[in-house]
Amino acid sequence: MKVIAFNGSPRPKGNTWHALNMVAAELEQAGISTEIVQVGNKLVHGCLACGKCYKMKNEQCVQTNDEVNQWIQQAKEADGLLLGSPTHYAALGGALKCFLDRLFYVAGANGGLLRHKVGAGVAAVRRSGGIPVVMQLNIYFMYAEMLIPGSNYWNVIHGTQPGEVEQDAEGVQIMRMLGKNMAWLMQLKEHGKDAVAEPAPEGKVAMNFIR
């Protein structure tokens, strides 16, 4: 099994990267390979709301001038998805937000590419505002019918300068427990796939309240 992790921080080796590595260490120990992909310092265009991914249904965004289509395929091929974001004004990093909007829209347009994969999100923050970031990440997972593991607290770790999160003893434990629980959930899913049938997907019912 494999987890693909997307680092939404513009600092490739900042505190978000350290947090992702803490989770990844537990996954690796459970025999699950991990790969961290750098997103936060890349030029990533926002969704155009053109709807062409629903027309083409080729697992691609119509925009081809960034790395998003490559990342979509990496997410599709993985068994689990790990998202890490810095906290920018109590919200996701901008590049990560642009990527996730397009990833999850294309995934939904192509029959649910991420459906029933395991997904977890972590936030790095100097002082406060990290919990809204984790909630925003979880909203993507819930929309895609993904499976979400928990930890023993919300998935937030604190630090300012790169590496300072290593001094947040509680945050380190949260990341470690998240990694353990994510690995456990992935193993349960893998071992149970032949014993318990997945619920069948349903076509999306879209309701417009303006008549």
N, C-alpha and C. Protein backbone atom coordinates (compact mmCIF):
# COMPACT_ATOMS: atom_id res chain seq x y z
N MET A 1 0.84 -1.19 0.00
CA MET A 1 0.00 0.00 0.00
C MET A 1 0.88 1.25 0.00
N LYS A 2 0.29 2.33 -0.51
CA LYS A 2 1.06 3.57 -0.61
C LYS A 2 0.20 4.77 -0.25
N VAL A 3 0.82 5.74 0.41
CA VAL A 3 0.19 7.03 0.71
C VAL A 3 0.95 8.12 -0.03
N ILE A 4 0.21 8.98 -0.70
CA ILE A 4 0.81 10.14 -1.32
C ILE A 4 0.49 11.35 -0.44
N ALA A 5 1.52 12.10 -0.07
CA ALA A 5 1.34 13.27 0.80
C ALA A 5 1.64 14.53 0.00
N PHE A 6 0.78 15.52 0.13
CA PHE A 6 0.97 16.78 -0.57
C PHE A 6 1.28 17.87 0.45
N ASN A 7 2.43 18.50 0.28
CA ASN A 7 2.89 19.55 1.18
C ASN A 7 2.45 20.90 0.62
N GLY A 8 1.48 21.52 1.31
CA GLY A 8 0.94 22.79 0.83
C GLY A 8 1.69 24.01 1.31
N SER A 9 2.80 23.83 2.00
CA SER A 9 3.56 24.97 2.49
C SER A 9 4.50 25.49 1.41
N PRO A 10 4.65 26.81 1.29
CA PRO A 10 5.64 27.35 0.36
C PRO A 10 7.07 27.09 0.80
N ARG A 11 7.25 26.64 2.04
CA ARG A 11 8.57 26.28 2.54
C ARG A 11 8.73 24.76 2.43
N PRO A 12 9.52 24.29 1.46
CA PRO A 12 9.62 22.84 1.23
C PRO A 12 10.05 22.03 2.44
N LYS A 13 10.85 22.59 3.32
CA LYS A 13 11.31 21.85 4.50
C LYS A 13 10.92 22.59 5.79
N GLY A 14 9.75 23.21 5.76
CA GLY A 14 9.26 23.92 6.93
C GLY A 14 8.51 23.01 7.88
N ASN A 15 7.74 23.59 8.77
CA ASN A 15 7.07 22.82 9.81
C ASN A 15 5.99 21.89 9.27
N THR A 16 5.33 22.27 8.17
CA THR A 16 4.34 21.37 7.56
C THR A 16 5.02 20.10 7.08
N TRP A 17 6.18 20.24 6.47
CA TRP A 17 6.96 19.08 6.01
C TRP A 17 7.34 18.20 7.19
N HIS A 18 7.78 18.81 8.29
CA HIS A 18 8.13 18.03 9.47
C HIS A 18 6.92 17.26 9.99
N ALA A 19 5.75 17.90 10.02
CA ALA A 19 4.55 17.23 10.48
C ALA A 19 4.19 16.05 9.59
N LEU A 20 4.27 16.24 8.28
CA LEU A 20 3.98 15.15 7.34
C LEU A 20 4.94 13.99 7.56
N ASN A 21 6.19 14.30 7.81
CA ASN A 21 7.17 13.25 8.04
C ASN A 21 6.92 12.47 9.32
N MET A 22 6.38 13.14 10.35
CA MET A 22 6.03 12.42 11.58
C MET A 22 4.95 11.38 11.32
N VAL A 23 3.93 11.78 10.55
CA VAL A 23 2.87 10.84 10.19
C VAL A 23 3.42 9.74 9.29
N ALA A 24 4.23 10.13 8.32
CA ALA A 24 4.79 9.17 7.37
C ALA A 24 5.67 8.13 8.05
N ALA A 25 6.37 8.52 9.12
CA ALA A 25 7.24 7.58 9.82
C ALA A 25 6.45 6.41 10.39
N GLU A 26 5.24 6.71 10.90
CA GLU A 26 4.40 5.64 11.44
C GLU A 26 3.83 4.77 10.33
N LEU A 27 3.49 5.39 9.21
CA LEU A 27 3.00 4.62 8.07
C LEU A 27 4.08 3.68 7.55
N GLU A 28 5.29 4.20 7.43
CA GLU A 28 6.40 3.38 6.95
C GLU A 28 6.67 2.20 7.90
N GLN A 29 6.55 2.48 9.20
CA GLN A 29 6.78 1.42 10.17
C GLN A 29 5.74 0.31 10.05
N ALA A 30 4.55 0.66 9.55
CA ALA A 30 3.49 -0.32 9.35
C ALA A 30 3.57 -0.97 7.97
N GLY A 31 4.62 -0.65 7.22
CA GLY A 31 4.81 -1.26 5.91
C GLY A 31 4.11 -0.54 4.77
N ILE A 32 3.68 0.70 5.02
CA ILE A 32 3.00 1.49 3.99
C ILE A 32 3.97 2.54 3.46
N SER A 33 4.27 2.49 2.19
CA SER A 33 5.23 3.43 1.62
C SER A 33 4.59 4.81 1.48
N THR A 34 5.42 5.84 1.58
CA THR A 34 4.93 7.22 1.48
C THR A 34 5.81 8.03 0.54
N GLU A 35 5.19 9.01 -0.07
CA GLU A 35 5.91 9.96 -0.92
C GLU A 35 5.35 11.33 -0.67
N ILE A 36 6.22 12.31 -0.44
CA ILE A 36 5.78 13.69 -0.22
C ILE A 36 6.00 14.49 -1.50
N VAL A 37 4.94 15.11 -1.97
CA VAL A 37 4.98 15.93 -3.17
C VAL A 37 4.87 17.40 -2.76
N GLN A 38 5.76 18.23 -3.26
CA GLN A 38 5.77 19.65 -2.92
C GLN A 38 4.80 20.42 -3.80
N VAL A 39 3.85 21.10 -3.18
CA VAL A 39 2.83 21.87 -3.90
C VAL A 39 2.92 23.37 -3.60
N GLY A 40 3.19 23.71 -2.34
CA GLY A 40 3.00 25.06 -1.86
C GLY A 40 3.83 26.15 -2.49
N ASN A 41 4.97 25.81 -3.09
CA ASN A 41 5.79 26.84 -3.73
C ASN A 41 5.71 26.77 -5.26
N LYS A 42 4.72 26.05 -5.75
CA LYS A 42 4.54 25.93 -7.20
C LYS A 42 3.47 26.91 -7.68
N LEU A 43 3.53 27.24 -8.95
CA LEU A 43 2.49 28.06 -9.56
C LEU A 43 1.32 27.14 -9.90
N VAL A 44 0.24 27.26 -9.16
CA VAL A 44 -0.93 26.41 -9.35
C VAL A 44 -2.13 27.31 -9.64
N HIS A 45 -2.76 27.10 -10.77
CA HIS A 45 -3.88 27.93 -11.16
C HIS A 45 -5.17 27.45 -10.50
N GLY A 46 -6.05 28.37 -10.22
CA GLY A 46 -7.33 28.04 -9.62
C GLY A 46 -8.29 27.42 -10.62
N CYS A 47 -9.33 26.79 -10.11
CA CYS A 47 -10.36 26.20 -10.96
C CYS A 47 -11.06 27.30 -11.76
N LEU A 48 -11.33 27.03 -13.04
CA LEU A 48 -12.00 27.99 -13.91
C LEU A 48 -13.50 27.84 -13.89
N ALA A 49 -14.00 26.81 -13.20
CA ALA A 49 -15.44 26.52 -13.18
C ALA A 49 -16.01 26.36 -14.58
N CYS A 50 -15.19 25.79 -15.48
CA CYS A 50 -15.62 25.63 -16.87
C CYS A 50 -16.44 24.37 -17.08
N GLY A 51 -16.32 23.40 -16.16
CA GLY A 51 -17.08 22.16 -16.26
C GLY A 51 -16.59 21.21 -17.33
N LYS A 52 -15.45 21.50 -17.94
CA LYS A 52 -14.99 20.65 -19.04
C LYS A 52 -14.52 19.28 -18.56
N CYS A 53 -14.10 19.17 -17.28
CA CYS A 53 -13.71 17.85 -16.78
C CYS A 53 -14.91 16.90 -16.77
N TYR A 54 -16.11 17.44 -16.59
CA TYR A 54 -17.33 16.62 -16.64
C TYR A 54 -17.69 16.23 -18.07
N LYS A 55 -17.28 17.06 -19.02
CA LYS A 55 -17.55 16.74 -20.42
C LYS A 55 -16.51 15.78 -20.99
N MET A 56 -15.25 16.00 -20.66
CA MET A 56 -14.17 15.17 -21.22
C MET A 56 -14.09 13.82 -20.53
N LYS A 57 -14.24 13.81 -19.20
CA LYS A 57 -14.15 12.57 -18.40
C LYS A 57 -12.89 11.77 -18.73
N ASN A 58 -11.76 12.46 -18.80
CA ASN A 58 -10.48 11.82 -19.08
C ASN A 58 -9.52 11.90 -17.90
N GLU A 59 -10.08 12.16 -16.72
CA GLU A 59 -9.29 12.24 -15.48
C GLU A 59 -8.29 13.37 -15.50
N GLN A 60 -8.59 14.41 -16.25
CA GLN A 60 -7.68 15.54 -16.35
C GLN A 60 -8.45 16.85 -16.24
N CYS A 61 -7.74 17.86 -15.73
CA CYS A 61 -8.23 19.23 -15.79
C CYS A 61 -7.85 19.80 -17.15
N VAL A 62 -8.71 20.66 -17.69
CA VAL A 62 -8.45 21.24 -19.00
C VAL A 62 -7.21 22.13 -18.99
N GLN A 63 -6.82 22.63 -17.80
CA GLN A 63 -5.61 23.45 -17.70
C GLN A 63 -4.38 22.53 -17.67
N THR A 64 -3.44 22.80 -18.54
CA THR A 64 -2.27 21.94 -18.65
C THR A 64 -0.96 22.69 -18.41
N ASN A 65 -1.04 23.90 -17.89
CA ASN A 65 0.18 24.72 -17.72
C ASN A 65 0.69 24.69 -16.28
N ASP A 66 0.35 23.64 -15.55
CA ASP A 66 0.95 23.41 -14.23
C ASP A 66 1.00 21.90 -14.00
N GLU A 67 1.30 21.47 -12.77
CA GLU A 67 1.53 20.05 -12.50
C GLU A 67 0.30 19.31 -11.97
N VAL A 68 -0.85 19.96 -11.98
CA VAL A 68 -2.03 19.39 -11.33
C VAL A 68 -2.44 18.04 -11.92
N ASN A 69 -2.42 17.90 -13.24
CA ASN A 69 -2.84 16.62 -13.83
C ASN A 69 -1.94 15.46 -13.42
N GLN A 70 -0.67 15.74 -13.28
CA GLN A 70 0.26 14.71 -12.78
C GLN A 70 -0.10 14.34 -11.34
N TRP A 71 -0.38 15.33 -10.52
CA TRP A 71 -0.72 15.07 -9.12
C TRP A 71 -2.04 14.32 -8.99
N ILE A 72 -2.99 14.62 -9.89
CA ILE A 72 -4.27 13.90 -9.88
C ILE A 72 -4.03 12.41 -10.07
N GLN A 73 -3.17 12.05 -11.00
CA GLN A 73 -2.90 10.64 -11.25
C GLN A 73 -2.17 9.99 -10.09
N GLN A 74 -1.29 10.74 -9.44
CA GLN A 74 -0.61 10.19 -8.27
C GLN A 74 -1.60 9.94 -7.14
N ALA A 75 -2.55 10.83 -6.96
CA ALA A 75 -3.58 10.63 -5.94
C ALA A 75 -4.46 9.44 -6.29
N LYS A 76 -4.79 9.30 -7.55
CA LYS A 76 -5.62 8.17 -7.99
C LYS A 76 -4.95 6.84 -7.72
N GLU A 77 -3.66 6.75 -7.96
CA GLU A 77 -2.94 5.49 -7.82
C GLU A 77 -2.65 5.13 -6.36
N ALA A 78 -2.70 6.08 -5.47
CA ALA A 78 -2.37 5.83 -4.06
C ALA A 78 -3.56 5.21 -3.33
N ASP A 79 -3.25 4.54 -2.21
CA ASP A 79 -4.29 3.96 -1.36
C ASP A 79 -4.76 4.97 -0.31
N GLY A 80 -3.90 5.92 0.00
CA GLY A 80 -4.25 6.93 0.99
C GLY A 80 -3.71 8.28 0.60
N LEU A 81 -4.36 9.32 1.12
CA LEU A 81 -4.01 10.69 0.79
C LEU A 81 -3.75 11.45 2.08
N LEU A 82 -2.58 12.08 2.17
CA LEU A 82 -2.20 12.86 3.35
C LEU A 82 -1.94 14.29 2.90
N LEU A 83 -2.67 15.24 3.49
CA LEU A 83 -2.55 16.63 3.10
C LEU A 83 -2.00 17.44 4.26
N GLY A 84 -1.00 18.27 3.97
CA GLY A 84 -0.43 19.15 4.98
C GLY A 84 -0.50 20.59 4.53
N SER A 85 -0.97 21.46 5.44
CA SER A 85 -1.08 22.87 5.07
C SER A 85 -0.53 23.76 6.17
N PRO A 86 0.10 24.87 5.79
CA PRO A 86 0.37 25.91 6.78
C PRO A 86 -0.94 26.61 7.10
N THR A 87 -0.92 27.50 8.06
CA THR A 87 -2.11 28.26 8.42
C THR A 87 -1.94 29.70 7.96
N HIS A 88 -2.70 30.08 6.95
CA HIS A 88 -2.66 31.43 6.40
C HIS A 88 -3.99 32.11 6.69
N TYR A 89 -4.00 33.02 7.64
CA TYR A 89 -5.23 33.70 8.04
C TYR A 89 -6.32 32.70 8.40
N ALA A 90 -5.96 31.71 9.23
CA ALA A 90 -6.89 30.67 9.71
C ALA A 90 -7.49 29.88 8.55
N ALA A 91 -6.72 29.72 7.47
CA ALA A 91 -7.22 29.00 6.30
C ALA A 91 -6.08 28.28 5.60
N LEU A 92 -6.44 27.49 4.58
CA LEU A 92 -5.45 26.75 3.80
C LEU A 92 -4.49 27.68 3.08
N GLY A 93 -3.29 27.16 2.78
CA GLY A 93 -2.39 27.86 1.88
C GLY A 93 -3.01 27.96 0.50
N GLY A 94 -2.77 29.07 -0.20
CA GLY A 94 -3.43 29.34 -1.46
C GLY A 94 -3.17 28.33 -2.56
N ALA A 95 -1.92 27.93 -2.74
CA ALA A 95 -1.60 26.97 -3.80
C ALA A 95 -2.27 25.62 -3.54
N LEU A 96 -2.29 25.20 -2.28
CA LEU A 96 -2.93 23.92 -1.94
C LEU A 96 -4.43 24.00 -2.21
N LYS A 97 -5.05 25.12 -1.86
CA LYS A 97 -6.49 25.29 -2.11
C LYS A 97 -6.80 25.19 -3.59
N CYS A 98 -6.01 25.85 -4.43
CA CYS A 98 -6.22 25.78 -5.88
C CYS A 98 -6.10 24.35 -6.37
N PHE A 99 -5.10 23.63 -5.88
CA PHE A 99 -4.90 22.24 -6.29
C PHE A 99 -6.06 21.36 -5.84
N LEU A 100 -6.46 21.48 -4.59
CA LEU A 100 -7.52 20.60 -4.07
C LEU A 100 -8.85 20.85 -4.77
N ASP A 101 -9.17 22.10 -5.07
CA ASP A 101 -10.40 22.38 -5.80
C ASP A 101 -10.43 21.62 -7.11
N ARG A 102 -9.33 21.61 -7.81
CA ARG A 102 -9.28 20.95 -9.12
C ARG A 102 -9.18 19.43 -8.98
N LEU A 103 -8.38 18.96 -8.04
CA LEU A 103 -8.25 17.52 -7.81
C LEU A 103 -9.60 16.89 -7.50
N PHE A 104 -10.32 17.45 -6.54
CA PHE A 104 -11.56 16.83 -6.11
C PHE A 104 -12.69 17.03 -7.12
N TYR A 105 -12.63 18.11 -7.89
CA TYR A 105 -13.63 18.31 -8.94
C TYR A 105 -13.43 17.30 -10.06
N VAL A 106 -12.18 17.11 -10.49
CA VAL A 106 -11.90 16.12 -11.53
C VAL A 106 -12.22 14.71 -11.02
N ALA A 107 -11.88 14.43 -9.77
CA ALA A 107 -12.17 13.11 -9.20
C ALA A 107 -13.67 12.83 -9.22
N GLY A 108 -14.47 13.82 -8.85
CA GLY A 108 -15.92 13.63 -8.87
C GLY A 108 -16.48 13.51 -10.27
N ALA A 109 -15.85 14.18 -11.22
CA ALA A 109 -16.32 14.15 -12.61
C ALA A 109 -16.03 12.82 -13.29
N ASN A 110 -15.16 12.02 -12.68
CA ASN A 110 -14.73 10.76 -13.30
C ASN A 110 -15.08 9.55 -12.44
N GLY A 111 -16.26 9.57 -11.88
CA GLY A 111 -16.78 8.41 -11.16
C GLY A 111 -16.26 8.23 -9.76
N GLY A 112 -15.65 9.25 -9.18
CA GLY A 112 -15.17 9.14 -7.80
C GLY A 112 -13.81 8.48 -7.70
N LEU A 113 -12.79 9.13 -8.24
CA LEU A 113 -11.44 8.54 -8.26
C LEU A 113 -10.88 8.32 -6.86
N LEU A 114 -11.36 9.09 -5.89
CA LEU A 114 -10.81 9.00 -4.53
C LEU A 114 -11.76 8.30 -3.57
N ARG A 115 -12.87 7.81 -4.06
CA ARG A 115 -13.90 7.21 -3.21
C ARG A 115 -13.35 6.04 -2.41
N HIS A 116 -13.56 6.09 -1.10
CA HIS A 116 -13.18 5.06 -0.13
C HIS A 116 -11.68 4.91 0.06
N LYS A 117 -10.88 5.84 -0.48
CA LYS A 117 -9.48 5.90 -0.06
C LYS A 117 -9.43 6.51 1.34
N VAL A 118 -8.33 6.31 2.04
CA VAL A 118 -8.17 6.88 3.37
C VAL A 118 -7.50 8.24 3.24
N GLY A 119 -8.05 9.24 3.91
CA GLY A 119 -7.50 10.59 3.81
C GLY A 119 -7.34 11.24 5.17
N ALA A 120 -6.22 11.94 5.35
CA ALA A 120 -5.97 12.67 6.60
C ALA A 120 -5.29 13.99 6.28
N GLY A 121 -5.60 14.99 7.09
CA GLY A 121 -5.01 16.31 6.90
C GLY A 121 -4.39 16.83 8.18
N VAL A 122 -3.28 17.57 8.06
CA VAL A 122 -2.60 18.16 9.21
C VAL A 122 -2.33 19.63 8.93
N ALA A 123 -2.28 20.40 10.02
CA ALA A 123 -2.01 21.83 9.91
C ALA A 123 -0.85 22.21 10.80
N ALA A 124 0.02 23.05 10.28
CA ALA A 124 1.09 23.64 11.07
C ALA A 124 0.76 25.11 11.28
N VAL A 125 0.99 25.60 12.51
CA VAL A 125 0.57 26.95 12.83
C VAL A 125 1.50 27.54 13.89
N ARG A 126 1.66 28.85 13.85
CA ARG A 126 2.48 29.51 14.86
C ARG A 126 1.76 29.55 16.20
N ARG A 127 0.48 30.01 16.19
CA ARG A 127 -0.21 30.17 17.46
C ARG A 127 -1.64 29.64 17.43
N SER A 128 -2.50 30.19 16.56
CA SER A 128 -3.90 29.74 16.51
C SER A 128 -4.39 29.78 15.06
N GLY A 129 -5.58 29.24 14.83
CA GLY A 129 -6.14 29.19 13.49
C GLY A 129 -5.95 27.87 12.79
N GLY A 130 -5.28 26.90 13.44
CA GLY A 130 -5.01 25.62 12.79
C GLY A 130 -6.22 24.72 12.67
N ILE A 131 -7.14 24.80 13.63
CA ILE A 131 -8.31 23.91 13.61
C ILE A 131 -9.20 24.18 12.39
N PRO A 132 -9.47 25.43 12.02
CA PRO A 132 -10.23 25.65 10.78
C PRO A 132 -9.56 25.05 9.55
N VAL A 133 -8.24 25.02 9.54
CA VAL A 133 -7.52 24.42 8.40
C VAL A 133 -7.81 22.93 8.33
N VAL A 134 -7.74 22.25 9.46
CA VAL A 134 -8.03 20.81 9.49
C VAL A 134 -9.47 20.55 9.06
N MET A 135 -10.40 21.38 9.50
CA MET A 135 -11.80 21.23 9.11
C MET A 135 -11.97 21.40 7.61
N GLN A 136 -11.25 22.38 7.03
CA GLN A 136 -11.35 22.59 5.59
C GLN A 136 -10.81 21.39 4.82
N LEU A 137 -9.74 20.81 5.30
CA LEU A 137 -9.19 19.62 4.64
C LEU A 137 -10.18 18.46 4.74
N ASN A 138 -10.79 18.28 5.91
CA ASN A 138 -11.74 17.18 6.08
C ASN A 138 -12.96 17.33 5.19
N ILE A 139 -13.35 18.55 4.89
CA ILE A 139 -14.51 18.76 4.01
C ILE A 139 -14.27 18.16 2.63
N TYR A 140 -13.06 18.28 2.13
CA TYR A 140 -12.74 17.65 0.84
C TYR A 140 -12.90 16.13 0.94
N PHE A 141 -12.36 15.55 2.00
CA PHE A 141 -12.44 14.09 2.16
C PHE A 141 -13.90 13.63 2.24
N MET A 142 -14.69 14.35 3.01
CA MET A 142 -16.09 13.95 3.18
C MET A 142 -16.86 14.05 1.87
N TYR A 143 -16.59 15.08 1.10
CA TYR A 143 -17.27 15.25 -0.17
C TYR A 143 -16.99 14.07 -1.11
N ALA A 144 -15.77 13.54 -1.05
CA ALA A 144 -15.35 12.46 -1.95
C ALA A 144 -15.63 11.07 -1.38
N GLU A 145 -16.37 10.97 -0.27
CA GLU A 145 -16.67 9.68 0.37
C GLU A 145 -15.40 8.94 0.79
N MET A 146 -14.42 9.68 1.27
CA MET A 146 -13.19 9.07 1.74
C MET A 146 -13.32 8.68 3.21
N LEU A 147 -12.41 7.85 3.67
CA LEU A 147 -12.39 7.38 5.05
C LEU A 147 -11.38 8.22 5.83
N ILE A 148 -11.77 8.73 6.98
CA ILE A 148 -10.95 9.70 7.71
C ILE A 148 -10.56 9.15 9.08
N PRO A 149 -9.27 8.92 9.33
CA PRO A 149 -8.82 8.51 10.66
C PRO A 149 -8.69 9.71 11.59
N GLY A 150 -8.73 9.47 12.88
CA GLY A 150 -8.53 10.53 13.85
C GLY A 150 -7.24 10.33 14.62
N SER A 151 -6.97 11.26 15.52
CA SER A 151 -5.85 11.14 16.44
C SER A 151 -6.41 11.30 17.85
N ASN A 152 -5.58 11.65 18.82
CA ASN A 152 -6.08 11.86 20.17
C ASN A 152 -6.34 13.34 20.46
N TYR A 153 -6.31 14.17 19.41
CA TYR A 153 -6.65 15.59 19.48
C TYR A 153 -6.76 16.05 18.04
N TRP A 154 -7.07 17.32 17.82
CA TRP A 154 -7.12 17.79 16.44
C TRP A 154 -5.72 17.84 15.84
N ASN A 155 -5.64 17.63 14.52
CA ASN A 155 -4.36 17.41 13.85
C ASN A 155 -3.60 18.70 13.58
N VAL A 156 -3.20 19.37 14.66
CA VAL A 156 -2.51 20.65 14.57
C VAL A 156 -1.21 20.57 15.36
N ILE A 157 -0.15 21.14 14.80
CA ILE A 157 1.14 21.16 15.48
C ILE A 157 1.71 22.59 15.40
N HIS A 158 2.43 23.01 16.44
CA HIS A 158 2.81 24.41 16.59
C HIS A 158 4.31 24.65 16.45
N GLY A 159 4.65 25.74 15.76
CA GLY A 159 6.03 26.16 15.62
C GLY A 159 6.11 27.34 14.67
N THR A 160 7.17 28.11 14.78
CA THR A 160 7.36 29.25 13.88
C THR A 160 8.49 28.99 12.90
N GLN A 161 9.69 28.86 13.40
CA GLN A 161 10.83 28.57 12.53
C GLN A 161 10.84 27.09 12.15
N PRO A 162 11.34 26.77 10.94
CA PRO A 162 11.36 25.38 10.50
C PRO A 162 12.00 24.45 11.54
N GLY A 163 11.31 23.40 11.88
CA GLY A 163 11.80 22.42 12.84
C GLY A 163 11.33 22.65 14.26
N GLU A 164 10.77 23.82 14.55
CA GLU A 164 10.32 24.08 15.92
C GLU A 164 9.18 23.17 16.34
N VAL A 165 8.43 22.63 15.38
CA VAL A 165 7.34 21.72 15.75
C VAL A 165 7.84 20.49 16.49
N GLU A 166 9.11 20.16 16.30
CA GLU A 166 9.67 19.00 17.00
C GLU A 166 9.66 19.21 18.52
N GLN A 167 9.55 20.48 18.96
CA GLN A 167 9.53 20.79 20.39
C GLN A 167 8.11 20.77 20.97
N ASP A 168 7.10 20.68 20.10
CA ASP A 168 5.71 20.61 20.55
C ASP A 168 5.40 19.16 20.89
N ALA A 169 5.64 18.78 22.14
CA ALA A 169 5.52 17.37 22.53
C ALA A 169 4.12 16.82 22.26
N GLU A 170 3.10 17.62 22.57
CA GLU A 170 1.74 17.13 22.34
C GLU A 170 1.46 17.03 20.84
N GLY A 171 1.92 18.02 20.07
CA GLY A 171 1.73 17.98 18.64
C GLY A 171 2.42 16.79 17.99
N VAL A 172 3.62 16.47 18.47
CA VAL A 172 4.34 15.31 17.95
C VAL A 172 3.54 14.04 18.23
N GLN A 173 2.97 13.94 19.44
CA GLN A 173 2.15 12.76 19.75
C GLN A 173 0.92 12.69 18.85
N ILE A 174 0.30 13.85 18.58
CA ILE A 174 -0.88 13.88 17.71
C ILE A 174 -0.53 13.35 16.33
N MET A 175 0.60 13.79 15.78
CA MET A 175 1.02 13.33 14.46
C MET A 175 1.33 11.83 14.49
N ARG A 176 1.99 11.39 15.54
CA ARG A 176 2.34 9.98 15.65
C ARG A 176 1.09 9.10 15.74
N MET A 177 0.13 9.52 16.56
CA MET A 177 -1.10 8.73 16.71
C MET A 177 -1.92 8.76 15.41
N LEU A 178 -1.89 9.89 14.73
CA LEU A 178 -2.59 9.95 13.45
C LEU A 178 -2.00 8.96 12.46
N GLY A 179 -0.67 8.89 12.42
CA GLY A 179 -0.01 7.92 11.53
C GLY A 179 -0.38 6.49 11.87
N LYS A 180 -0.40 6.17 13.16
CA LYS A 180 -0.77 4.82 13.59
C LYS A 180 -2.21 4.50 13.20
N ASN A 181 -3.12 5.45 13.46
CA ASN A 181 -4.53 5.20 13.16
C ASN A 181 -4.79 5.15 11.66
N MET A 182 -4.05 5.96 10.91
CA MET A 182 -4.21 5.92 9.45
C MET A 182 -3.75 4.57 8.91
N ALA A 183 -2.62 4.10 9.39
CA ALA A 183 -2.11 2.80 8.95
C ALA A 183 -3.09 1.69 9.32
N TRP A 184 -3.63 1.75 10.53
CA TRP A 184 -4.59 0.73 10.99
C TRP A 184 -5.84 0.72 10.13
N LEU A 185 -6.37 1.91 9.82
CA LEU A 185 -7.58 1.99 8.99
C LEU A 185 -7.31 1.47 7.59
N MET A 186 -6.15 1.79 7.04
CA MET A 186 -5.82 1.29 5.71
C MET A 186 -5.69 -0.23 5.71
N GLN A 187 -5.11 -0.78 6.77
CA GLN A 187 -4.99 -2.23 6.87
C GLN A 187 -6.34 -2.90 7.03
N LEU A 188 -7.22 -2.29 7.84
CA LEU A 188 -8.58 -2.83 7.97
C LEU A 188 -9.29 -2.86 6.62
N LYS A 189 -9.16 -1.77 5.88
CA LYS A 189 -9.80 -1.69 4.56
C LYS A 189 -9.23 -2.75 3.62
N GLU A 190 -7.92 -2.91 3.63
CA GLU A 190 -7.28 -3.88 2.74
C GLU A 190 -7.70 -5.31 3.08
N HIS A 191 -7.71 -5.64 4.35
CA HIS A 191 -8.04 -7.01 4.75
C HIS A 191 -9.53 -7.29 4.69
N GLY A 192 -10.34 -6.25 4.72
CA GLY A 192 -11.78 -6.46 4.72
C GLY A 192 -12.44 -6.36 3.37
N LYS A 193 -11.67 -6.02 2.33
CA LYS A 193 -12.30 -5.76 1.04
C LYS A 193 -12.95 -7.00 0.42
N ASP A 194 -12.44 -8.20 0.77
CA ASP A 194 -13.04 -9.42 0.23
C ASP A 194 -14.12 -9.97 1.15
N ALA A 195 -14.23 -9.42 2.35
CA ALA A 195 -15.20 -9.93 3.32
C ALA A 195 -16.46 -9.07 3.40
N VAL A 196 -16.31 -7.77 3.15
CA VAL A 196 -17.44 -6.85 3.26
C VAL A 196 -17.55 -6.08 1.95
N ALA A 197 -18.71 -6.16 1.33
CA ALA A 197 -18.90 -5.48 0.05
C ALA A 197 -19.02 -3.97 0.25
N GLU A 198 -18.40 -3.22 -0.65
CA GLU A 198 -18.52 -1.76 -0.61
C GLU A 198 -19.95 -1.35 -0.98
N PRO A 199 -20.48 -0.31 -0.36
CA PRO A 199 -21.77 0.20 -0.81
C PRO A 199 -21.65 0.75 -2.23
N ALA A 200 -22.64 0.49 -3.04
CA ALA A 200 -22.60 0.94 -4.43
C ALA A 200 -22.69 2.46 -4.50
N PRO A 201 -21.94 3.05 -5.42
CA PRO A 201 -22.05 4.51 -5.58
C PRO A 201 -23.41 4.87 -6.18
N GLU A 202 -23.83 6.09 -5.92
CA GLU A 202 -25.07 6.59 -6.48
C GLU A 202 -24.78 7.85 -7.29
N GLY A 203 -25.58 8.06 -8.30
CA GLY A 203 -25.45 9.28 -9.06
C GLY A 203 -25.81 10.48 -8.21
N LYS A 204 -25.08 11.58 -8.39
CA LYS A 204 -25.25 12.76 -7.56
C LYS A 204 -26.61 13.41 -7.84
N VAL A 205 -27.35 13.69 -6.79
CA VAL A 205 -28.58 14.45 -6.89
C VAL A 205 -28.26 15.91 -6.62
N ALA A 206 -28.46 16.76 -7.60
CA ALA A 206 -28.15 18.19 -7.44
C ALA A 206 -29.47 18.96 -7.37
N MET A 207 -29.64 19.73 -6.32
CA MET A 207 -30.89 20.47 -6.10
C MET A 207 -30.63 21.97 -6.10
N ASN A 208 -31.27 22.67 -7.00
CA ASN A 208 -31.17 24.12 -7.04
C ASN A 208 -32.44 24.70 -6.42
N PHE A 209 -32.28 25.49 -5.39
CA PHE A 209 -33.44 25.98 -4.66
C PHE A 209 -34.09 27.20 -5.33
N ILE A 210 -33.45 27.74 -6.36
CA ILE A 210 -34.02 28.86 -7.08
C ILE A 210 -34.82 28.32 -8.25
N ARG A 211 -36.11 28.57 -8.28
CA ARG A 211 -37.00 28.03 -9.33
C ARG A 211 -37.53 29.13 -10.24
